[in-house]
């Protein structure tokens, strides 16, 4: 029983308040008209006098309620009742299926702009106002490093809005009783059944534990890195010593670390190496190799 209840609750929370009000007003009007028509219709001969009032009542309830839901906003405005753009239970634009909520870390990282430009983002991106406020707060920080990160995030947000193939919506959604940004994001994602795009590993763990789908950009980058098998050859530049005696360390263009046995004597030189094994860690991929024999 819990799953249907939670599904129904999420669906109801997405419906704006004015829709409920319009449906109730439409139902009351339909019932009043049905009462007025019930007596004359009951005078019809035979079975018609019994079934026609019920059929007319059901038809009027369906028709008038549908009209009120479709045109309720305009009708309320005709009577001087002003309504917000989307009057949901949390305010602002409620995410729909296919949309994802964006975390501050994903905006600052910047790769989400490239993903959006390539058209790989699922649906439109929802950026809550409190995420934007956090981004402005970081950009105004006294710490030069945090300030630079915040300004980079704002630049990436402008790029997303102007150059990306994905729609970006700034939403006024908020959860008043939740203090920190990460908890707000998880709460909103649970309410609306949306995924979260983030680079924060701690937020990813908390969200997954609470049943929220997470799209982690770092995991996507790791999945797209080239696959190297033992025995493959490549050419790299040894740039530093390794932890073990005689080891040298180099890096691929995507940042993958390569540990080369016997590579210490080739520091600052390009050498051909042969892959011996590949180790996948939580932070990325590490490749072990040895110098190719002449």
C-alpha atoms as a PDB file:
ATOM      1  CA  UNK A   1       0.000   0.000   0.000  1.00  0.00           C
ATOM      2  CA  UNK A   2       2.937   2.341   0.547  1.00  0.00           C
ATOM      3  CA  UNK A   3       3.988   2.627  -3.094  1.00  0.00           C
ATOM      4  CA  UNK A   4       0.545   3.699  -4.435  1.00  0.00           C
ATOM      5  CA  UNK A   5       0.203   6.112  -1.510  1.00  0.00           C
ATOM      6  CA  UNK A   6       3.591   7.723  -2.140  1.00  0.00           C
ATOM      7  CA  UNK A   7       2.925   7.906  -5.881  1.00  0.00           C
ATOM      8  CA  UNK A   8      -0.466   9.549  -5.255  1.00  0.00           C
ATOM      9  CA  UNK A   9       1.050  11.987  -2.781  1.00  0.00           C
ATOM     10  CA  UNK A  10       3.787  13.020  -5.202  1.00  0.00           C
ATOM     11  CA  UNK A  11       1.248  13.520  -7.983  1.00  0.00           C
ATOM     12  CA  UNK A  12      -1.001  15.619  -5.742  1.00  0.00           C
ATOM     13  CA  UNK A  13       1.920  17.768  -4.570  1.00  0.00           C
ATOM     14  CA  UNK A  14       2.745  18.653  -8.178  1.00  0.00           C
ATOM     15  CA  UNK A  15      -0.769  19.977  -8.872  1.00  0.00           C
ATOM     16  CA  UNK A  16      -1.080  23.762  -8.342  1.00  0.00           C
ATOM     17  CA  UNK A  17      -3.485  24.905  -5.637  1.00  0.00           C
ATOM     18  CA  UNK A  18      -5.672  26.866  -8.043  1.00  0.00           C
ATOM     19  CA  UNK A  19      -6.406  23.632  -9.964  1.00  0.00           C
ATOM     20  CA  UNK A  20      -7.948  22.096  -6.849  1.00  0.00           C
ATOM     21  CA  UNK A  21      -9.973  25.258  -6.263  1.00  0.00           C
ATOM     22  CA  UNK A  22     -11.131  25.355  -9.890  1.00  0.00           C
ATOM     23  CA  UNK A  23     -12.175  21.692  -9.751  1.00  0.00           C
ATOM     24  CA  UNK A  24     -14.204  22.240  -6.568  1.00  0.00           C
ATOM     25  CA  UNK A  25     -15.932  25.328  -8.001  1.00  0.00           C
ATOM     26  CA  UNK A  26     -16.712  23.457 -11.226  1.00  0.00           C
ATOM     27  CA  UNK A  27     -18.134  20.497  -9.288  1.00  0.00           C
ATOM     28  CA  UNK A  28     -20.378  22.750  -7.180  1.00  0.00           C
ATOM     29  CA  UNK A  29     -21.708  24.545 -10.271  1.00  0.00           C
ATOM     30  CA  UNK A  30     -22.382  21.222 -12.023  1.00  0.00           C
ATOM     31  CA  UNK A  31     -24.283  19.852  -9.000  1.00  0.00           C
ATOM     32  CA  UNK A  32     -26.417  22.999  -8.721  1.00  0.00           C
ATOM     33  CA  UNK A  33     -27.375  22.820 -12.395  1.00  0.00           C
ATOM     34  CA  UNK A  34     -28.100  19.098 -12.029  1.00  0.00           C
ATOM     35  CA  UNK A  35     -30.445  19.784  -9.111  1.00  0.00           C
ATOM     36  CA  UNK A  36     -32.367  22.337 -11.193  1.00  0.00           C
ATOM     37  CA  UNK A  37     -32.679  19.886 -14.106  1.00  0.00           C
ATOM     38  CA  UNK A  38     -33.427  16.810 -12.020  1.00  0.00           C
ATOM     39  CA  UNK A  39     -37.166  17.488 -11.486  1.00  0.00           C
ATOM     40  CA  UNK A  40     -38.176  18.193 -15.123  1.00  0.00           C
ATOM     41  CA  UNK A  41     -36.019  15.290 -16.365  1.00  0.00           C
ATOM     42  CA  UNK A  42     -37.625  12.927 -13.852  1.00  0.00           C
ATOM     43  CA  UNK A  43     -40.990  13.560 -15.529  1.00  0.00           C
ATOM     44  CA  UNK A  44     -39.861  11.697 -18.638  1.00  0.00           C
ATOM     45  CA  UNK A  45     -41.800   8.487 -19.157  1.00  0.00           C
ATOM     46  CA  UNK A  46     -40.628   5.095 -17.958  1.00  0.00           C
ATOM     47  CA  UNK A  47     -36.949   4.270 -17.464  1.00  0.00           C
ATOM     48  CA  UNK A  48     -35.870   7.569 -19.078  1.00  0.00           C
ATOM     49  CA  UNK A  49     -37.155   9.473 -16.066  1.00  0.00           C
ATOM     50  CA  UNK A  50     -34.880   7.476 -13.754  1.00  0.00           C
ATOM     51  CA  UNK A  51     -31.663   7.298 -15.781  1.00  0.00           C
ATOM     52  CA  UNK A  52     -31.596  10.690 -17.531  1.00  0.00           C
ATOM     53  CA  UNK A  53     -31.104  12.846 -14.367  1.00  0.00           C
ATOM     54  CA  UNK A  54     -28.151  10.654 -13.300  1.00  0.00           C
ATOM     55  CA  UNK A  55     -26.572  10.717 -16.789  1.00  0.00           C
ATOM     56  CA  UNK A  56     -26.999  14.501 -17.081  1.00  0.00           C
ATOM     57  CA  UNK A  57     -25.481  15.002 -13.612  1.00  0.00           C
ATOM     58  CA  UNK A  58     -22.403  12.913 -14.456  1.00  0.00           C
ATOM     59  CA  UNK A  59     -21.967  14.627 -17.816  1.00  0.00           C
ATOM     60  CA  UNK A  60     -22.223  18.127 -16.294  1.00  0.00           C
ATOM     61  CA  UNK A  61     -19.788  17.260 -13.507  1.00  0.00           C
ATOM     62  CA  UNK A  62     -17.222  16.008 -16.009  1.00  0.00           C
ATOM     63  CA  UNK A  63     -17.708  18.801 -18.560  1.00  0.00           C
ATOM     64  CA  UNK A  64     -17.844  21.802 -16.209  1.00  0.00           C
ATOM     65  CA  UNK A  65     -15.018  20.540 -13.984  1.00  0.00           C
ATOM     66  CA  UNK A  66     -12.800  19.990 -17.061  1.00  0.00           C
ATOM     67  CA  UNK A  67     -13.552  23.497 -18.329  1.00  0.00           C
ATOM     68  CA  UNK A  68     -12.797  25.032 -14.927  1.00  0.00           C
ATOM     69  CA  UNK A  69      -9.485  23.181 -14.682  1.00  0.00           C
ATOM     70  CA  UNK A  70      -8.482  24.222 -18.216  1.00  0.00           C
ATOM     71  CA  UNK A  71      -9.626  27.850 -17.932  1.00  0.00           C
ATOM     72  CA  UNK A  72      -9.654  28.334 -14.175  1.00  0.00           C
ATOM     73  CA  UNK A  73      -6.802  30.845 -14.153  1.00  0.00           C
ATOM     74  CA  UNK A  74      -8.517  33.132 -16.669  1.00  0.00           C
ATOM     75  CA  UNK A  75     -11.853  32.856 -14.861  1.00  0.00           C
ATOM     76  CA  UNK A  76     -10.293  33.715 -11.509  1.00  0.00           C
ATOM     77  CA  UNK A  77      -8.511  36.695 -13.042  1.00  0.00           C
ATOM     78  CA  UNK A  78     -11.832  37.933 -14.480  1.00  0.00           C
ATOM     79  CA  UNK A  79     -13.071  38.261 -10.891  1.00  0.00           C
ATOM     80  CA  UNK A  80      -9.917  40.076  -9.808  1.00  0.00           C
ATOM     81  CA  UNK A  81      -8.245  37.079  -8.148  1.00  0.00           C
ATOM     82  CA  UNK A  82      -4.524  37.148  -8.992  1.00  0.00           C
ATOM     83  CA  UNK A  83      -2.593  33.877  -9.038  1.00  0.00           C
ATOM     84  CA  UNK A  84       1.166  33.146  -9.127  1.00  0.00           C
ATOM     85  CA  UNK A  85       2.650  31.717 -12.302  1.00  0.00           C
ATOM     86  CA  UNK A  86       2.622  28.190 -10.859  1.00  0.00           C
ATOM     87  CA  UNK A  87       1.105  28.028  -7.402  1.00  0.00           C
ATOM     88  CA  UNK A  88       2.451  24.661  -6.248  1.00  0.00           C
ATOM     89  CA  UNK A  89       2.753  23.475  -2.685  1.00  0.00           C
ATOM     90  CA  UNK A  90       6.417  24.545  -2.572  1.00  0.00           C
ATOM     91  CA  UNK A  91       6.101  27.531  -4.875  1.00  0.00           C
ATOM     92  CA  UNK A  92       7.705  27.992  -8.256  1.00  0.00           C
ATOM     93  CA  UNK A  93       8.011  25.543 -11.106  1.00  0.00           C
ATOM     94  CA  UNK A  94       7.516  21.937 -10.103  1.00  0.00           C
ATOM     95  CA  UNK A  95       9.812  19.488 -11.917  1.00  0.00           C
ATOM     96  CA  UNK A  96       8.181  17.049 -14.306  1.00  0.00           C
ATOM     97  CA  UNK A  97       9.264  13.664 -15.556  1.00  0.00           C
ATOM     98  CA  UNK A  98      12.543  13.853 -17.456  1.00  0.00           C
ATOM     99  CA  UNK A  99      13.763  16.958 -15.652  1.00  0.00           C
ATOM    100  CA  UNK A 100      16.720  16.969 -13.259  1.00  0.00           C
ATOM    101  CA  UNK A 101      17.703  19.223 -10.362  1.00  0.00           C
ATOM    102  CA  UNK A 102      21.222  20.677 -10.543  1.00  0.00           C
ATOM    103  CA  UNK A 103      23.557  20.936  -7.543  1.00  0.00           C
ATOM    104  CA  UNK A 104      25.984  23.829  -6.981  1.00  0.00           C
ATOM    105  CA  UNK A 105      29.047  21.585  -7.386  1.00  0.00           C
ATOM    106  CA  UNK A 106      27.936  20.488 -10.868  1.00  0.00           C
ATOM    107  CA  UNK A 107      27.567  24.111 -11.996  1.00  0.00           C
ATOM    108  CA  UNK A 108      30.987  25.109 -10.643  1.00  0.00           C
ATOM    109  CA  UNK A 109      32.618  22.042 -12.221  1.00  0.00           C
ATOM    110  CA  UNK A 110      31.600  23.326 -15.653  1.00  0.00           C
ATOM    111  CA  UNK A 111      31.494  20.035 -17.552  1.00  0.00           C
ATOM    112  CA  UNK A 112      27.702  20.080 -17.380  1.00  0.00           C
ATOM    113  CA  UNK A 113      27.821  22.895 -19.949  1.00  0.00           C
ATOM    114  CA  UNK A 114      29.711  20.644 -22.377  1.00  0.00           C
ATOM    115  CA  UNK A 115      27.297  17.775 -21.682  1.00  0.00           C
ATOM    116  CA  UNK A 116      24.348  20.088 -22.333  1.00  0.00           C
ATOM    117  CA  UNK A 117      25.966  21.432 -25.501  1.00  0.00           C
ATOM    118  CA  UNK A 118      26.322  17.862 -26.761  1.00  0.00           C
ATOM    119  CA  UNK A 119      22.649  17.212 -26.002  1.00  0.00           C
ATOM    120  CA  UNK A 120      23.225  14.391 -23.503  1.00  0.00           C
ATOM    121  CA  UNK A 121      21.349  15.917 -20.558  1.00  0.00           C
ATOM    122  CA  UNK A 122      18.007  14.170 -19.882  1.00  0.00           C
ATOM    123  CA  UNK A 123      15.230  16.743 -20.150  1.00  0.00           C
ATOM    124  CA  UNK A 124      15.533  20.303 -18.894  1.00  0.00           C
ATOM    125  CA  UNK A 125      17.694  21.404 -15.963  1.00  0.00           C
ATOM    126  CA  UNK A 126      15.980  22.828 -12.863  1.00  0.00           C
ATOM    127  CA  UNK A 127      18.120  25.181 -10.755  1.00  0.00           C
ATOM    128  CA  UNK A 128      16.403  26.068  -7.456  1.00  0.00           C
ATOM    129  CA  UNK A 129      16.726  29.637  -6.249  1.00  0.00           C
ATOM    130  CA  UNK A 130      18.584  28.539  -3.083  1.00  0.00           C
ATOM    131  CA  UNK A 131      21.289  26.914  -5.271  1.00  0.00           C
ATOM    132  CA  UNK A 132      21.671  30.175  -7.171  1.00  0.00           C
ATOM    133  CA  UNK A 133      21.866  32.084  -3.869  1.00  0.00           C
ATOM    134  CA  UNK A 134      24.606  29.733  -2.656  1.00  0.00           C
ATOM    135  CA  UNK A 135      26.497  30.321  -5.896  1.00  0.00           C
ATOM    136  CA  UNK A 136      26.267  34.110  -5.422  1.00  0.00           C
ATOM    137  CA  UNK A 137      27.410  33.724  -1.813  1.00  0.00           C
ATOM    138  CA  UNK A 138      30.493  31.761  -2.906  1.00  0.00           C
ATOM    139  CA  UNK A 139      31.246  34.350  -5.615  1.00  0.00           C
ATOM    140  CA  UNK A 140      31.163  37.121  -2.964  1.00  0.00           C
ATOM    141  CA  UNK A 141      33.431  35.242  -0.542  1.00  0.00           C
ATOM    142  CA  UNK A 142      36.508  36.902   0.988  1.00  0.00           C
ATOM    143  CA  UNK A 143      38.527  33.783   0.161  1.00  0.00           C
ATOM    144  CA  UNK A 144      40.058  34.282  -3.294  1.00  0.00           C
ATOM    145  CA  UNK A 145      39.837  30.555  -4.141  1.00  0.00           C
ATOM    146  CA  UNK A 146      36.151  30.307  -3.212  1.00  0.00           C
ATOM    147  CA  UNK A 147      35.476  33.596  -4.992  1.00  0.00           C
ATOM    148  CA  UNK A 148      37.070  32.286  -8.175  1.00  0.00           C
ATOM    149  CA  UNK A 149      35.033  29.069  -7.947  1.00  0.00           C
ATOM    150  CA  UNK A 150      31.815  31.032  -7.479  1.00  0.00           C
ATOM    151  CA  UNK A 151      32.495  33.300 -10.442  1.00  0.00           C
ATOM    152  CA  UNK A 152      33.341  30.298 -12.580  1.00  0.00           C
ATOM    153  CA  UNK A 153      30.000  28.800 -11.590  1.00  0.00           C
ATOM    154  CA  UNK A 154      28.141  31.966 -12.605  1.00  0.00           C
ATOM    155  CA  UNK A 155      29.973  32.004 -15.939  1.00  0.00           C
ATOM    156  CA  UNK A 156      29.047  28.372 -16.538  1.00  0.00           C
ATOM    157  CA  UNK A 157      25.434  29.107 -15.671  1.00  0.00           C
ATOM    158  CA  UNK A 158      25.370  31.926 -18.230  1.00  0.00           C
ATOM    159  CA  UNK A 159      26.882  29.573 -20.786  1.00  0.00           C
ATOM    160  CA  UNK A 160      24.241  26.943 -20.012  1.00  0.00           C
ATOM    161  CA  UNK A 161      21.436  29.453 -20.525  1.00  0.00           C
ATOM    162  CA  UNK A 162      22.835  30.932 -23.748  1.00  0.00           C
ATOM    163  CA  UNK A 163      24.718  28.229 -25.627  1.00  0.00           C
ATOM    164  CA  UNK A 164      23.398  24.883 -24.379  1.00  0.00           C
ATOM    165  CA  UNK A 165      20.887  22.775 -26.279  1.00  0.00           C
ATOM    166  CA  UNK A 166      19.161  22.027 -22.955  1.00  0.00           C
ATOM    167  CA  UNK A 167      16.483  24.225 -21.374  1.00  0.00           C
ATOM    168  CA  UNK A 168      17.480  25.772 -18.045  1.00  0.00           C
ATOM    169  CA  UNK A 169      14.778  26.892 -15.603  1.00  0.00           C
ATOM    170  CA  UNK A 170      15.316  28.894 -12.408  1.00  0.00           C
ATOM    171  CA  UNK A 171      12.722  27.673  -9.903  1.00  0.00           C
ATOM    172  CA  UNK A 172      11.468  29.277  -6.695  1.00  0.00           C
ATOM    173  CA  UNK A 173      11.000  25.859  -5.069  1.00  0.00           C
ATOM    174  CA  UNK A 174      12.130  25.691  -1.459  1.00  0.00           C
ATOM    175  CA  UNK A 175      11.736  23.588   1.670  1.00  0.00           C
ATOM    176  CA  UNK A 176      11.372  25.986   4.567  1.00  0.00           C
ATOM    177  CA  UNK A 177      11.960  23.511   7.387  1.00  0.00           C
ATOM    178  CA  UNK A 178      15.266  22.181   5.993  1.00  0.00           C
ATOM    179  CA  UNK A 179      18.401  24.281   6.708  1.00  0.00           C
ATOM    180  CA  UNK A 180      21.219  23.164   4.399  1.00  0.00           C
ATOM    181  CA  UNK A 181      21.278  23.082   0.604  1.00  0.00           C
ATOM    182  CA  UNK A 182      22.089  19.367   0.211  1.00  0.00           C
ATOM    183  CA  UNK A 183      19.141  18.320   2.373  1.00  0.00           C
ATOM    184  CA  UNK A 184      16.850  20.661   0.432  1.00  0.00           C
ATOM    185  CA  UNK A 185      17.939  19.087  -2.862  1.00  0.00           C
ATOM    186  CA  UNK A 186      17.351  15.545  -1.613  1.00  0.00           C
ATOM    187  CA  UNK A 187      13.962  16.507  -0.164  1.00  0.00           C
ATOM    188  CA  UNK A 188      12.804  18.145  -3.407  1.00  0.00           C
ATOM    189  CA  UNK A 189      14.068  15.238  -5.499  1.00  0.00           C
ATOM    190  CA  UNK A 190      12.136  12.787  -3.295  1.00  0.00           C
ATOM    191  CA  UNK A 191       8.936  14.854  -3.463  1.00  0.00           C
ATOM    192  CA  UNK A 192       8.933  15.261  -7.237  1.00  0.00           C
ATOM    193  CA  UNK A 193      10.633  11.983  -8.201  1.00  0.00           C
ATOM    194  CA  UNK A 194      13.496  13.753 -10.035  1.00  0.00           C
ATOM    195  CA  UNK A 195      17.184  12.936 -10.321  1.00  0.00           C
ATOM    196  CA  UNK A 196      20.022  15.162  -9.056  1.00  0.00           C
ATOM    197  CA  UNK A 197      23.077  16.115 -11.100  1.00  0.00           C
ATOM    198  CA  UNK A 198      26.046  16.617  -8.790  1.00  0.00           C
ATOM    199  CA  UNK A 199      29.791  16.197  -8.318  1.00  0.00           C
ATOM    200  CA  UNK A 200      29.562  15.939  -4.534  1.00  0.00           C
ATOM    201  CA  UNK A 201      30.311  12.370  -3.431  1.00  0.00           C
ATOM    202  CA  UNK A 202      28.770  12.922   0.020  1.00  0.00           C
ATOM    203  CA  UNK A 203      25.528  14.233  -1.489  1.00  0.00           C
ATOM    204  CA  UNK A 204      25.522  11.263  -3.869  1.00  0.00           C
ATOM    205  CA  UNK A 205      25.749   8.778  -0.992  1.00  0.00           C
ATOM    206  CA  UNK A 206      23.020  10.485   1.054  1.00  0.00           C
ATOM    207  CA  UNK A 207      20.702  10.746  -1.951  1.00  0.00           C
ATOM    208  CA  UNK A 208      21.175   7.101  -2.965  1.00  0.00           C
ATOM    209  CA  UNK A 209      20.483   5.942   0.589  1.00  0.00           C
ATOM    210  CA  UNK A 210      17.167   7.815   0.460  1.00  0.00           C
ATOM    211  CA  UNK A 211      16.182   6.316  -2.882  1.00  0.00           C
ATOM    212  CA  UNK A 212      16.969   9.362  -5.053  1.00  0.00           C
ATOM    213  CA  UNK A 213      18.570   8.826  -8.459  1.00  0.00           C
ATOM    214  CA  UNK A 214      21.933  10.595  -8.821  1.00  0.00           C
ATOM    215  CA  UNK A 215      23.728  11.555 -12.037  1.00  0.00           C
ATOM    216  CA  UNK A 216      27.366  11.980 -10.997  1.00  0.00           C
ATOM    217  CA  UNK A 217      29.528  13.785 -13.562  1.00  0.00           C
ATOM    218  CA  UNK A 218      32.730  12.215 -12.221  1.00  0.00           C
ATOM    219  CA  UNK A 219      31.301   8.722 -12.693  1.00  0.00           C
ATOM    220  CA  UNK A 220      30.264   9.656 -16.221  1.00  0.00           C
ATOM    221  CA  UNK A 221      33.775  10.905 -16.997  1.00  0.00           C
ATOM    222  CA  UNK A 222      35.313   7.701 -15.622  1.00  0.00           C
ATOM    223  CA  UNK A 223      32.945   5.591 -17.709  1.00  0.00           C
ATOM    224  CA  UNK A 224      33.952   7.457 -20.885  1.00  0.00           C
ATOM    225  CA  UNK A 225      37.690   7.127 -20.394  1.00  0.00           C
ATOM    226  CA  UNK A 226      39.447   4.867 -22.905  1.00  0.00           C
ATOM    227  CA  UNK A 227      39.779   1.211 -21.905  1.00  0.00           C
ATOM    228  CA  UNK A 228      43.319  -0.148 -21.769  1.00  0.00           C
ATOM    229  CA  UNK A 229      44.002  -3.870 -21.600  1.00  0.00           C
ATOM    230  CA  UNK A 230      47.180  -5.610 -20.404  1.00  0.00           C
ATOM    231  CA  UNK A 231      49.659  -5.903 -23.251  1.00  0.00           C
ATOM    232  CA  UNK A 232      48.657  -2.647 -24.986  1.00  0.00           C
ATOM    233  CA  UNK A 233      51.408  -0.187 -25.837  1.00  0.00           C
ATOM    234  CA  UNK A 234      51.394   3.590 -25.506  1.00  0.00           C
ATOM    235  CA  UNK A 235      53.776   6.515 -25.396  1.00  0.00           C
ATOM    236  CA  UNK A 236      53.808   8.815 -22.365  1.00  0.00           C
ATOM    237  CA  UNK A 237      56.011  11.414 -20.732  1.00  0.00           C
ATOM    238  CA  UNK A 238      57.450  10.524 -17.308  1.00  0.00           C
ATOM    239  CA  UNK A 239      57.148  13.638 -15.138  1.00  0.00           C
ATOM    240  CA  UNK A 240      57.904  12.515 -11.567  1.00  0.00           C
ATOM    241  CA  UNK A 241      59.087   9.722  -9.284  1.00  0.00           C
ATOM    242  CA  UNK A 242      56.749   7.039  -7.997  1.00  0.00           C
ATOM    243  CA  UNK A 243      56.307   5.844  -4.411  1.00  0.00           C
ATOM    244  CA  UNK A 244      58.259   2.623  -4.927  1.00  0.00           C
ATOM    245  CA  UNK A 245      61.930   2.430  -5.783  1.00  0.00           C
ATOM    246  CA  UNK A 246      62.641   2.964  -9.477  1.00  0.00           C
ATOM    247  CA  UNK A 247      59.068   3.888 -10.404  1.00  0.00           C
ATOM    248  CA  UNK A 248      58.145   6.791 -12.646  1.00  0.00           C
ATOM    249  CA  UNK A 249      54.752   8.448 -13.013  1.00  0.00           C
ATOM    250  CA  UNK A 250      53.087   9.944 -16.062  1.00  0.00           C
ATOM    251  CA  UNK A 251      49.584  11.074 -16.970  1.00  0.00           C
ATOM    252  CA  UNK A 252      47.306  10.716 -19.955  1.00  0.00           C
ATOM    253  CA  UNK A 253      45.489  13.706 -21.430  1.00  0.00           C
ATOM    254  CA  UNK A 254      42.341  12.855 -19.417  1.00  0.00           C
ATOM    255  CA  UNK A 255      44.306  12.816 -16.135  1.00  0.00           C
ATOM    256  CA  UNK A 256      44.674   9.038 -15.763  1.00  0.00           C
ATOM    257  CA  UNK A 257      47.792   8.206 -13.748  1.00  0.00           C
ATOM    258  CA  UNK A 258      50.270   5.692 -15.207  1.00  0.00           C
ATOM    259  CA  UNK A 259      52.843   4.124 -12.872  1.00  0.00           C
ATOM    260  CA  UNK A 260      55.835   2.804 -14.803  1.00  0.00           C
ATOM    261  CA  UNK A 261      58.192   0.258 -13.288  1.00  0.00           C
ATOM    262  CA  UNK A 262      61.762   1.271 -13.995  1.00  0.00           C
ATOM    263  CA  UNK A 263      60.635   4.664 -15.290  1.00  0.00           C
ATOM    264  CA  UNK A 264      62.498   6.812 -12.783  1.00  0.00           C
ATOM    265  CA  UNK A 265      65.581   7.155 -14.982  1.00  0.00           C
ATOM    266  CA  UNK A 266      63.390   8.489 -17.828  1.00  0.00           C
ATOM    267  CA  UNK A 267      61.937  11.503 -15.958  1.00  0.00           C
ATOM    268  CA  UNK A 268      61.183  14.411 -18.343  1.00  0.00           C
ATOM    269  CA  UNK A 269      61.440  12.065 -21.337  1.00  0.00           C
ATOM    270  CA  UNK A 270      58.810  10.383 -23.538  1.00  0.00           C
ATOM    271  CA  UNK A 271      59.004   6.597 -23.560  1.00  0.00           C
ATOM    272  CA  UNK A 272      56.998   3.693 -24.904  1.00  0.00           C
ATOM    273  CA  UNK A 273      55.446   1.517 -22.218  1.00  0.00           C
ATOM    274  CA  UNK A 274      53.434  -1.709 -22.087  1.00  0.00           C
ATOM    275  CA  UNK A 275      50.344  -1.939 -19.852  1.00  0.00           C
ATOM    276  CA  UNK A 276      50.566  -4.693 -17.214  1.00  0.00           C
ATOM    277  CA  UNK A 277      47.326  -4.109 -15.274  1.00  0.00           C
ATOM    278  CA  UNK A 278      44.558  -1.562 -14.751  1.00  0.00           C
ATOM    279  CA  UNK A 279      43.218  -0.668 -11.306  1.00  0.00           C
ATOM    280  CA  UNK A 280      39.805   0.997 -10.959  1.00  0.00           C
ATOM    281  CA  UNK A 281      39.465   3.089  -7.780  1.00  0.00           C
ATOM    282  CA  UNK A 282      36.725   5.295  -6.359  1.00  0.00           C
ATOM    283  CA  UNK A 283      38.574   8.396  -7.570  1.00  0.00           C
ATOM    284  CA  UNK A 284      39.396   7.132 -11.053  1.00  0.00           C
ATOM    285  CA  UNK A 285      41.508   4.682 -13.017  1.00  0.00           C
ATOM    286  CA  UNK A 286      45.183   3.869 -12.400  1.00  0.00           C
ATOM    287  CA  UNK A 287      47.345   2.075 -14.970  1.00  0.00           C
ATOM    288  CA  UNK A 288      50.498   0.108 -14.216  1.00  0.00           C
ATOM    289  CA  UNK A 289      53.063  -0.457 -16.961  1.00  0.00           C
ATOM    290  CA  UNK A 290      56.717  -1.230 -17.678  1.00  0.00           C
ATOM    291  CA  UNK A 291      59.210   0.111 -20.189  1.00  0.00           C
ATOM    292  CA  UNK A 292      58.863  -1.510 -23.596  1.00  0.00           C
ATOM    293  CA  UNK A 293      61.834  -3.727 -24.387  1.00  0.00           C
ATOM    294  CA  UNK A 294      63.883  -2.700 -27.379  1.00  0.00           C
END
